Amino acid sequence: MHKQAYAHGHRIPMLMVDEPQDIEFLVKESEVLTGQAGRIFVIAGADWLTYRVLWSQAGFKVEHLDDKGQVLHTQHQLPWEFVEHSVIEALQAGQLFTPSVPHRG
């Protein structure tokens, strides 16, 4: 399902996201383990774009973040719209990663 890697220039373990349906699971996993809404996803490319994705039964809220974690732009997308988002395009190109969430011990 996931391969662990390290993002270029970062010491935080990252998981490579392989399948679009993994996003919903990863968001829910992060919310349960951290108590915070959504999960961060990184598009590994020249710009290293960062997004926070929040899932609900109504669809996805996708926040494009700056390098300080501030929201630059927000999109609300239905599931069939989200499949055309750049997050999914990056996934299909093998360039979508998410920081590992520490499991409570």
N, C-alpha and C. Protein backbone atom coordinates (compact mmCIF):
# COMPACT_ATOMS: atom_id res chain seq x y z
N MET A 1 0.82 -1.19 0.00
CA MET A 1 0.00 0.00 0.00
C MET A 1 0.86 1.25 0.00
N HIS A 2 1.91 1.28 0.86
CA HIS A 2 2.73 2.47 0.96
C HIS A 2 4.19 2.08 1.04
N LYS A 3 5.04 2.93 0.50
CA LYS A 3 6.47 2.76 0.61
C LYS A 3 7.01 3.94 1.40
N GLN A 4 7.87 3.65 2.38
CA GLN A 4 8.44 4.73 3.16
C GLN A 4 9.66 5.29 2.44
N ALA A 5 9.79 6.61 2.48
CA ALA A 5 10.90 7.29 1.83
C ALA A 5 11.18 8.56 2.61
N TYR A 6 12.21 9.27 2.23
CA TYR A 6 12.50 10.57 2.81
C TYR A 6 12.42 11.59 1.69
N ALA A 7 11.67 12.67 1.95
CA ALA A 7 11.54 13.72 0.95
C ALA A 7 12.88 14.41 0.79
N HIS A 8 13.18 14.85 -0.38
CA HIS A 8 14.43 15.53 -0.70
C HIS A 8 14.66 16.69 0.28
N GLY A 9 15.79 16.65 0.99
CA GLY A 9 16.12 17.74 1.90
C GLY A 9 15.38 17.71 3.22
N HIS A 10 14.58 16.68 3.46
CA HIS A 10 13.80 16.59 4.70
C HIS A 10 14.19 15.31 5.43
N ARG A 11 14.15 15.37 6.75
CA ARG A 11 14.46 14.20 7.56
C ARG A 11 13.19 13.53 8.09
N ILE A 12 12.04 14.00 7.65
CA ILE A 12 10.77 13.43 8.07
C ILE A 12 10.45 12.24 7.18
N PRO A 13 10.19 11.08 7.77
CA PRO A 13 9.81 9.94 6.94
C PRO A 13 8.51 10.24 6.19
N MET A 14 8.49 9.91 4.92
CA MET A 14 7.33 10.16 4.07
C MET A 14 6.86 8.83 3.50
N LEU A 15 5.54 8.74 3.32
CA LEU A 15 4.95 7.59 2.67
C LEU A 15 4.58 7.96 1.25
N MET A 16 4.93 7.11 0.31
CA MET A 16 4.51 7.31 -1.07
C MET A 16 3.07 6.83 -1.18
N VAL A 17 2.20 7.65 -1.73
CA VAL A 17 0.78 7.28 -1.89
C VAL A 17 0.62 6.63 -3.26
N ASP A 18 0.07 5.42 -3.26
CA ASP A 18 0.00 4.62 -4.49
C ASP A 18 -1.35 4.66 -5.20
N GLU A 19 -2.43 4.72 -4.44
CA GLU A 19 -3.77 4.59 -5.01
C GLU A 19 -4.67 5.74 -4.57
N PRO A 20 -5.54 6.23 -5.44
CA PRO A 20 -6.44 7.33 -5.05
C PRO A 20 -7.28 7.00 -3.81
N GLN A 21 -7.74 5.76 -3.67
CA GLN A 21 -8.56 5.41 -2.52
C GLN A 21 -7.75 5.43 -1.22
N ASP A 22 -6.42 5.41 -1.29
CA ASP A 22 -5.59 5.49 -0.09
C ASP A 22 -5.71 6.85 0.59
N ILE A 23 -6.04 7.88 -0.16
CA ILE A 23 -6.10 9.23 0.40
C ILE A 23 -7.14 9.30 1.51
N GLU A 24 -8.32 8.77 1.28
CA GLU A 24 -9.36 8.78 2.30
C GLU A 24 -8.88 8.07 3.57
N PHE A 25 -8.28 6.89 3.41
CA PHE A 25 -7.76 6.15 4.56
C PHE A 25 -6.69 6.94 5.30
N LEU A 26 -5.75 7.51 4.56
CA LEU A 26 -4.64 8.25 5.17
C LEU A 26 -5.14 9.49 5.93
N VAL A 27 -6.13 10.17 5.37
CA VAL A 27 -6.70 11.34 6.05
C VAL A 27 -7.35 10.90 7.36
N LYS A 28 -8.18 9.86 7.31
CA LYS A 28 -8.86 9.38 8.52
C LYS A 28 -7.84 8.89 9.55
N GLU A 29 -6.81 8.16 9.10
CA GLU A 29 -5.77 7.67 10.00
C GLU A 29 -5.12 8.83 10.74
N SER A 30 -4.75 9.86 10.02
CA SER A 30 -4.10 11.02 10.62
C SER A 30 -5.02 11.71 11.63
N GLU A 31 -6.29 11.85 11.27
CA GLU A 31 -7.24 12.51 12.16
C GLU A 31 -7.40 11.74 13.46
N VAL A 32 -7.45 10.41 13.37
CA VAL A 32 -7.60 9.58 14.57
C VAL A 32 -6.35 9.67 15.44
N LEU A 33 -5.18 9.58 14.82
CA LEU A 33 -3.93 9.54 15.58
C LEU A 33 -3.49 10.90 16.12
N THR A 34 -3.83 11.98 15.41
CA THR A 34 -3.36 13.30 15.84
C THR A 34 -4.45 14.16 16.48
N GLY A 35 -5.71 13.84 16.20
CA GLY A 35 -6.81 14.66 16.70
C GLY A 35 -7.00 15.95 15.92
N GLN A 36 -6.28 16.09 14.81
CA GLN A 36 -6.38 17.29 13.96
C GLN A 36 -7.02 16.92 12.63
N ALA A 37 -7.80 17.86 12.10
CA ALA A 37 -8.50 17.62 10.83
C ALA A 37 -7.53 17.59 9.65
N GLY A 38 -7.77 16.65 8.75
CA GLY A 38 -7.03 16.59 7.50
C GLY A 38 -5.67 15.94 7.63
N ARG A 39 -4.98 15.89 6.48
CA ARG A 39 -3.62 15.35 6.41
C ARG A 39 -2.85 16.11 5.35
N ILE A 40 -1.57 16.26 5.58
CA ILE A 40 -0.69 16.95 4.65
C ILE A 40 -0.23 15.97 3.56
N PHE A 41 -0.24 16.45 2.33
CA PHE A 41 0.30 15.71 1.20
C PHE A 41 1.27 16.62 0.46
N VAL A 42 2.36 16.05 -0.02
CA VAL A 42 3.40 16.81 -0.71
C VAL A 42 3.57 16.26 -2.11
N ILE A 43 3.58 17.17 -3.08
CA ILE A 43 3.88 16.79 -4.46
C ILE A 43 5.37 17.00 -4.67
N ALA A 44 6.07 15.90 -4.87
CA ALA A 44 7.52 15.95 -5.04
C ALA A 44 7.84 16.37 -6.46
N GLY A 45 8.28 17.57 -6.62
CA GLY A 45 8.64 18.10 -7.92
C GLY A 45 9.55 19.30 -7.74
N ALA A 46 9.67 20.09 -8.73
CA ALA A 46 10.54 21.26 -8.66
C ALA A 46 10.11 22.22 -7.55
N ASP A 47 8.80 22.35 -7.33
CA ASP A 47 8.31 23.32 -6.34
C ASP A 47 7.95 22.72 -4.99
N TRP A 48 7.84 21.41 -4.87
CA TRP A 48 7.44 20.75 -3.63
C TRP A 48 6.17 21.39 -3.08
N LEU A 49 5.09 21.25 -3.81
CA LEU A 49 3.81 21.83 -3.42
C LEU A 49 3.21 21.04 -2.27
N THR A 50 2.60 21.76 -1.32
CA THR A 50 2.03 21.15 -0.13
C THR A 50 0.54 21.43 -0.06
N TYR A 51 -0.22 20.38 0.24
CA TYR A 51 -1.67 20.49 0.36
C TYR A 51 -2.12 19.81 1.65
N ARG A 52 -3.17 20.34 2.25
CA ARG A 52 -3.86 19.64 3.34
C ARG A 52 -5.20 19.20 2.77
N VAL A 53 -5.49 17.91 2.89
CA VAL A 53 -6.73 17.36 2.37
C VAL A 53 -7.60 16.95 3.55
N LEU A 54 -8.84 17.42 3.53
CA LEU A 54 -9.84 17.04 4.52
C LEU A 54 -10.93 16.29 3.79
N TRP A 55 -11.37 15.18 4.36
CA TRP A 55 -12.37 14.33 3.72
C TRP A 55 -13.67 14.39 4.51
N SER A 56 -14.77 14.37 3.79
CA SER A 56 -16.09 14.18 4.39
C SER A 56 -16.91 13.37 3.41
N GLN A 57 -18.07 12.94 3.83
CA GLN A 57 -18.91 12.16 2.93
C GLN A 57 -19.38 12.99 1.74
N ALA A 58 -19.35 14.30 1.89
CA ALA A 58 -19.77 15.19 0.81
C ALA A 58 -18.67 15.45 -0.21
N GLY A 59 -17.43 15.09 0.12
CA GLY A 59 -16.34 15.32 -0.81
C GLY A 59 -15.07 15.72 -0.09
N PHE A 60 -14.24 16.48 -0.78
CA PHE A 60 -12.92 16.84 -0.28
C PHE A 60 -12.78 18.36 -0.16
N LYS A 61 -12.09 18.78 0.87
CA LYS A 61 -11.65 20.17 0.99
C LYS A 61 -10.14 20.11 0.82
N VAL A 62 -9.63 20.82 -0.17
CA VAL A 62 -8.21 20.78 -0.49
C VAL A 62 -7.63 22.18 -0.29
N GLU A 63 -6.69 22.28 0.64
CA GLU A 63 -6.05 23.56 0.95
C GLU A 63 -4.62 23.54 0.43
N HIS A 64 -4.29 24.48 -0.44
CA HIS A 64 -2.91 24.63 -0.90
C HIS A 64 -2.19 25.48 0.15
N LEU A 65 -1.07 24.98 0.67
CA LEU A 65 -0.36 25.64 1.76
C LEU A 65 0.95 26.25 1.28
N ASP A 66 1.35 27.34 1.95
CA ASP A 66 2.67 27.91 1.66
C ASP A 66 3.71 27.19 2.52
N ASP A 67 4.97 27.62 2.45
CA ASP A 67 6.04 26.93 3.17
C ASP A 67 5.96 27.10 4.68
N LYS A 68 5.07 27.98 5.15
CA LYS A 68 4.87 28.16 6.59
C LYS A 68 3.59 27.48 7.07
N GLY A 69 2.89 26.79 6.17
CA GLY A 69 1.67 26.10 6.53
C GLY A 69 0.42 26.95 6.48
N GLN A 70 0.53 28.16 5.93
CA GLN A 70 -0.62 29.04 5.80
C GLN A 70 -1.39 28.70 4.52
N VAL A 71 -2.71 28.79 4.59
CA VAL A 71 -3.55 28.45 3.44
C VAL A 71 -3.46 29.53 2.38
N LEU A 72 -3.08 29.13 1.18
CA LEU A 72 -3.03 30.04 0.03
C LEU A 72 -4.34 30.03 -0.75
N HIS A 73 -4.94 28.85 -0.84
CA HIS A 73 -6.12 28.67 -1.68
C HIS A 73 -6.88 27.44 -1.19
N THR A 74 -8.20 27.50 -1.21
CA THR A 74 -9.02 26.37 -0.78
C THR A 74 -9.99 26.00 -1.90
N GLN A 75 -10.15 24.70 -2.12
CA GLN A 75 -11.11 24.18 -3.08
C GLN A 75 -11.98 23.14 -2.39
N HIS A 76 -13.26 23.17 -2.65
CA HIS A 76 -14.18 22.14 -2.20
C HIS A 76 -14.54 21.33 -3.44
N GLN A 77 -14.29 20.02 -3.38
CA GLN A 77 -14.51 19.19 -4.56
C GLN A 77 -15.31 17.95 -4.22
N LEU A 78 -16.21 17.60 -5.12
CA LEU A 78 -16.93 16.35 -5.02
C LEU A 78 -15.97 15.22 -5.42
N PRO A 79 -16.24 14.01 -4.99
CA PRO A 79 -15.30 12.92 -5.30
C PRO A 79 -14.94 12.79 -6.77
N TRP A 80 -15.91 12.96 -7.67
CA TRP A 80 -15.60 12.82 -9.10
C TRP A 80 -14.83 14.03 -9.64
N GLU A 81 -14.85 15.15 -8.93
CA GLU A 81 -14.03 16.30 -9.32
C GLU A 81 -12.60 16.13 -8.81
N PHE A 82 -12.47 15.55 -7.63
CA PHE A 82 -11.16 15.39 -7.00
C PHE A 82 -10.23 14.51 -7.84
N VAL A 83 -10.78 13.56 -8.58
CA VAL A 83 -9.93 12.67 -9.39
C VAL A 83 -9.16 13.42 -10.47
N GLU A 84 -9.55 14.67 -10.76
CA GLU A 84 -8.83 15.47 -11.75
C GLU A 84 -7.94 16.53 -11.11
N HIS A 85 -7.83 16.53 -9.78
CA HIS A 85 -7.01 17.50 -9.07
C HIS A 85 -5.53 17.16 -9.25
N SER A 86 -4.66 18.16 -9.11
CA SER A 86 -3.23 17.94 -9.27
C SER A 86 -2.67 16.97 -8.23
N VAL A 87 -3.32 16.83 -7.08
CA VAL A 87 -2.90 15.83 -6.09
C VAL A 87 -3.00 14.43 -6.70
N ILE A 88 -4.08 14.15 -7.40
CA ILE A 88 -4.26 12.84 -8.04
C ILE A 88 -3.31 12.68 -9.23
N GLU A 89 -3.11 13.74 -9.97
CA GLU A 89 -2.15 13.69 -11.08
C GLU A 89 -0.76 13.35 -10.56
N ALA A 90 -0.36 13.94 -9.44
CA ALA A 90 0.94 13.65 -8.84
C ALA A 90 1.01 12.19 -8.37
N LEU A 91 -0.07 11.70 -7.79
CA LEU A 91 -0.14 10.31 -7.36
C LEU A 91 0.10 9.39 -8.55
N GLN A 92 -0.58 9.66 -9.66
CA GLN A 92 -0.45 8.82 -10.85
C GLN A 92 0.95 8.87 -11.44
N ALA A 93 1.67 9.96 -11.18
CA ALA A 93 3.05 10.10 -11.66
C ALA A 93 4.07 9.59 -10.65
N GLY A 94 3.60 9.07 -9.51
CA GLY A 94 4.51 8.57 -8.48
C GLY A 94 5.18 9.67 -7.69
N GLN A 95 4.54 10.84 -7.61
CA GLN A 95 5.15 11.99 -6.95
C GLN A 95 4.37 12.48 -5.73
N LEU A 96 3.44 11.67 -5.21
CA LEU A 96 2.64 12.12 -4.07
C LEU A 96 3.10 11.41 -2.80
N PHE A 97 3.41 12.20 -1.79
CA PHE A 97 3.91 11.70 -0.52
C PHE A 97 3.15 12.36 0.63
N THR A 98 3.17 11.71 1.78
CA THR A 98 2.59 12.26 2.99
C THR A 98 3.51 11.92 4.15
N PRO A 99 3.69 12.86 5.07
CA PRO A 99 4.53 12.55 6.24
C PRO A 99 3.94 11.39 7.04
N SER A 100 4.81 10.55 7.56
CA SER A 100 4.38 9.46 8.43
C SER A 100 3.76 10.07 9.69
N VAL A 101 2.74 9.42 10.19
CA VAL A 101 2.10 9.85 11.43
C VAL A 101 2.57 8.91 12.53
N PRO A 102 3.16 9.46 13.59
CA PRO A 102 3.62 8.56 14.66
C PRO A 102 2.44 7.87 15.34
N HIS A 103 2.58 6.60 15.58
CA HIS A 103 1.54 5.83 16.26
C HIS A 103 1.76 5.97 17.76
N ARG A 104 0.65 6.15 18.46
CA ARG A 104 0.74 6.25 19.92
C ARG A 104 1.14 4.90 20.49
N GLY A 105 2.07 4.94 21.44
CA GLY A 105 2.58 3.70 21.97
C GLY A 105 1.98 3.23 23.23
